[in-house]
């Protein structure tokens, strides 16, 4: 019974976080892209901001990247949230 509660908690955290993260990353695709200079390694703040916006737009408009990053973040957070309870359950069972 205790393992069932752990899996329910894990799934609840994972699916809710996946949905929120996926929505957030997809919303980044609406960031406008303007041309920028790609020849400089050390960028002034304005060019750094532009590259950052460009990268966020590319991530948000790529469904594979959104699914990968959302799934990774959701799985990590769900594990961090439920692992201490799983550890206690294992210790009490032994």
C-alpha atoms as a PDB file:
ATOM      1  CA  UNK A   1       0.000   0.000   0.000  1.00  0.00           C
ATOM      2  CA  UNK A   2       2.834   2.410   0.826  1.00  0.00           C
ATOM      3  CA  UNK A   3       4.446   1.863  -2.571  1.00  0.00           C
ATOM      4  CA  UNK A   4       1.157   2.698  -4.255  1.00  0.00           C
ATOM      5  CA  UNK A   5       1.034   6.038  -2.457  1.00  0.00           C
ATOM      6  CA  UNK A   6       4.607   6.756  -3.540  1.00  0.00           C
ATOM      7  CA  UNK A   7       3.787   6.098  -7.191  1.00  0.00           C
ATOM      8  CA  UNK A   8       0.644   8.217  -6.971  1.00  0.00           C
ATOM      9  CA  UNK A   9       2.658  11.085  -5.471  1.00  0.00           C
ATOM     10  CA  UNK A  10       5.412  10.653  -8.055  1.00  0.00           C
ATOM     11  CA  UNK A  11       2.937  10.677 -10.940  1.00  0.00           C
ATOM     12  CA  UNK A  12       1.074  13.694  -9.558  1.00  0.00           C
ATOM     13  CA  UNK A  13       4.260  15.744  -9.266  1.00  0.00           C
ATOM     14  CA  UNK A  14       5.648  14.575 -12.591  1.00  0.00           C
ATOM     15  CA  UNK A  15       2.561  15.151 -14.725  1.00  0.00           C
ATOM     16  CA  UNK A  16       1.681  18.503 -13.205  1.00  0.00           C
ATOM     17  CA  UNK A  17       5.253  19.775 -13.534  1.00  0.00           C
ATOM     18  CA  UNK A  18       5.542  18.412 -17.072  1.00  0.00           C
ATOM     19  CA  UNK A  19       2.423  20.309 -18.128  1.00  0.00           C
ATOM     20  CA  UNK A  20       3.558  23.562 -16.519  1.00  0.00           C
ATOM     21  CA  UNK A  21       7.102  23.352 -17.867  1.00  0.00           C
ATOM     22  CA  UNK A  22       5.882  22.434 -21.331  1.00  0.00           C
ATOM     23  CA  UNK A  23       3.464  25.378 -21.383  1.00  0.00           C
ATOM     24  CA  UNK A  24       6.175  27.759 -20.177  1.00  0.00           C
ATOM     25  CA  UNK A  25       8.744  26.612 -22.741  1.00  0.00           C
ATOM     26  CA  UNK A  26       6.191  26.754 -25.544  1.00  0.00           C
ATOM     27  CA  UNK A  27       5.283  30.313 -24.543  1.00  0.00           C
ATOM     28  CA  UNK A  28       8.922  31.299 -25.144  1.00  0.00           C
ATOM     29  CA  UNK A  29       8.418  30.722 -28.872  1.00  0.00           C
ATOM     30  CA  UNK A  30       6.547  34.023 -29.151  1.00  0.00           C
ATOM     31  CA  UNK A  31       9.689  36.012 -28.296  1.00  0.00           C
ATOM     32  CA  UNK A  32      10.494  38.050 -31.426  1.00  0.00           C
ATOM     33  CA  UNK A  33      13.742  37.353 -33.244  1.00  0.00           C
ATOM     34  CA  UNK A  34      15.784  40.156 -34.749  1.00  0.00           C
ATOM     35  CA  UNK A  35      19.038  39.733 -36.679  1.00  0.00           C
ATOM     36  CA  UNK A  36      22.232  39.918 -34.701  1.00  0.00           C
ATOM     37  CA  UNK A  37      25.957  39.765 -35.328  1.00  0.00           C
ATOM     38  CA  UNK A  38      27.337  36.239 -34.904  1.00  0.00           C
ATOM     39  CA  UNK A  39      31.046  37.020 -35.348  1.00  0.00           C
ATOM     40  CA  UNK A  40      31.888  38.157 -31.813  1.00  0.00           C
ATOM     41  CA  UNK A  41      32.775  35.823 -28.970  1.00  0.00           C
ATOM     42  CA  UNK A  42      32.621  38.441 -26.229  1.00  0.00           C
ATOM     43  CA  UNK A  43      29.280  40.118 -26.627  1.00  0.00           C
ATOM     44  CA  UNK A  44      28.064  43.418 -25.245  1.00  0.00           C
ATOM     45  CA  UNK A  45      24.989  43.079 -23.008  1.00  0.00           C
ATOM     46  CA  UNK A  46      22.552  43.980 -25.792  1.00  0.00           C
ATOM     47  CA  UNK A  47      23.898  41.243 -28.069  1.00  0.00           C
ATOM     48  CA  UNK A  48      23.943  38.768 -25.184  1.00  0.00           C
ATOM     49  CA  UNK A  49      20.277  39.533 -24.517  1.00  0.00           C
ATOM     50  CA  UNK A  50      19.494  39.042 -28.209  1.00  0.00           C
ATOM     51  CA  UNK A  51      21.279  35.675 -28.333  1.00  0.00           C
ATOM     52  CA  UNK A  52      19.459  34.607 -25.200  1.00  0.00           C
ATOM     53  CA  UNK A  53      16.093  35.522 -26.724  1.00  0.00           C
ATOM     54  CA  UNK A  54      17.024  33.713 -29.921  1.00  0.00           C
ATOM     55  CA  UNK A  55      17.971  30.559 -28.015  1.00  0.00           C
ATOM     56  CA  UNK A  56      14.780  30.629 -25.938  1.00  0.00           C
ATOM     57  CA  UNK A  57      12.728  31.101 -29.093  1.00  0.00           C
ATOM     58  CA  UNK A  58      14.432  28.129 -30.753  1.00  0.00           C
ATOM     59  CA  UNK A  59      13.824  25.931 -27.727  1.00  0.00           C
ATOM     60  CA  UNK A  60      10.188  26.975 -27.436  1.00  0.00           C
ATOM     61  CA  UNK A  61       9.473  26.377 -31.107  1.00  0.00           C
ATOM     62  CA  UNK A  62      11.086  22.905 -31.165  1.00  0.00           C
ATOM     63  CA  UNK A  63       8.619  20.278 -29.843  1.00  0.00           C
ATOM     64  CA  UNK A  64      11.384  17.720 -29.273  1.00  0.00           C
ATOM     65  CA  UNK A  65      13.402  20.129 -27.129  1.00  0.00           C
ATOM     66  CA  UNK A  66      10.290  21.135 -25.186  1.00  0.00           C
ATOM     67  CA  UNK A  67       9.398  17.491 -24.485  1.00  0.00           C
ATOM     68  CA  UNK A  68      12.984  16.589 -23.527  1.00  0.00           C
ATOM     69  CA  UNK A  69      13.499  19.528 -21.168  1.00  0.00           C
ATOM     70  CA  UNK A  70      10.011  19.288 -19.663  1.00  0.00           C
ATOM     71  CA  UNK A  71      10.345  15.553 -19.072  1.00  0.00           C
ATOM     72  CA  UNK A  72      13.797  15.907 -17.553  1.00  0.00           C
ATOM     73  CA  UNK A  73      12.747  18.685 -15.198  1.00  0.00           C
ATOM     74  CA  UNK A  74       9.527  16.897 -14.219  1.00  0.00           C
ATOM     75  CA  UNK A  75      11.247  13.578 -13.582  1.00  0.00           C
ATOM     76  CA  UNK A  76      14.017  15.182 -11.538  1.00  0.00           C
ATOM     77  CA  UNK A  77      11.591  17.144  -9.359  1.00  0.00           C
ATOM     78  CA  UNK A  78       9.297  14.150  -8.888  1.00  0.00           C
ATOM     79  CA  UNK A  79      12.233  12.010  -7.795  1.00  0.00           C
ATOM     80  CA  UNK A  80      13.485  14.695  -5.411  1.00  0.00           C
ATOM     81  CA  UNK A  81      10.000  15.021  -3.922  1.00  0.00           C
ATOM     82  CA  UNK A  82       9.311  11.307  -3.410  1.00  0.00           C
ATOM     83  CA  UNK A  83      12.724   9.726  -2.814  1.00  0.00           C
ATOM     84  CA  UNK A  84      12.917  10.627   0.899  1.00  0.00           C
ATOM     85  CA  UNK A  85       9.601   8.849   1.476  1.00  0.00           C
ATOM     86  CA  UNK A  86      10.803   5.821  -0.474  1.00  0.00           C
ATOM     87  CA  UNK A  87      13.954   5.754   1.634  1.00  0.00           C
ATOM     88  CA  UNK A  88      11.917   5.845   4.847  1.00  0.00           C
ATOM     89  CA  UNK A  89       9.640   3.070   3.570  1.00  0.00           C
ATOM     90  CA  UNK A  90      12.635   0.896   2.726  1.00  0.00           C
ATOM     91  CA  UNK A  91      14.287   1.561   6.087  1.00  0.00           C
ATOM     92  CA  UNK A  92      11.106   0.716   7.990  1.00  0.00           C
ATOM     93  CA  UNK A  93      10.581  -2.469   5.991  1.00  0.00           C
ATOM     94  CA  UNK A  94      14.053  -3.773   6.813  1.00  0.00           C
END
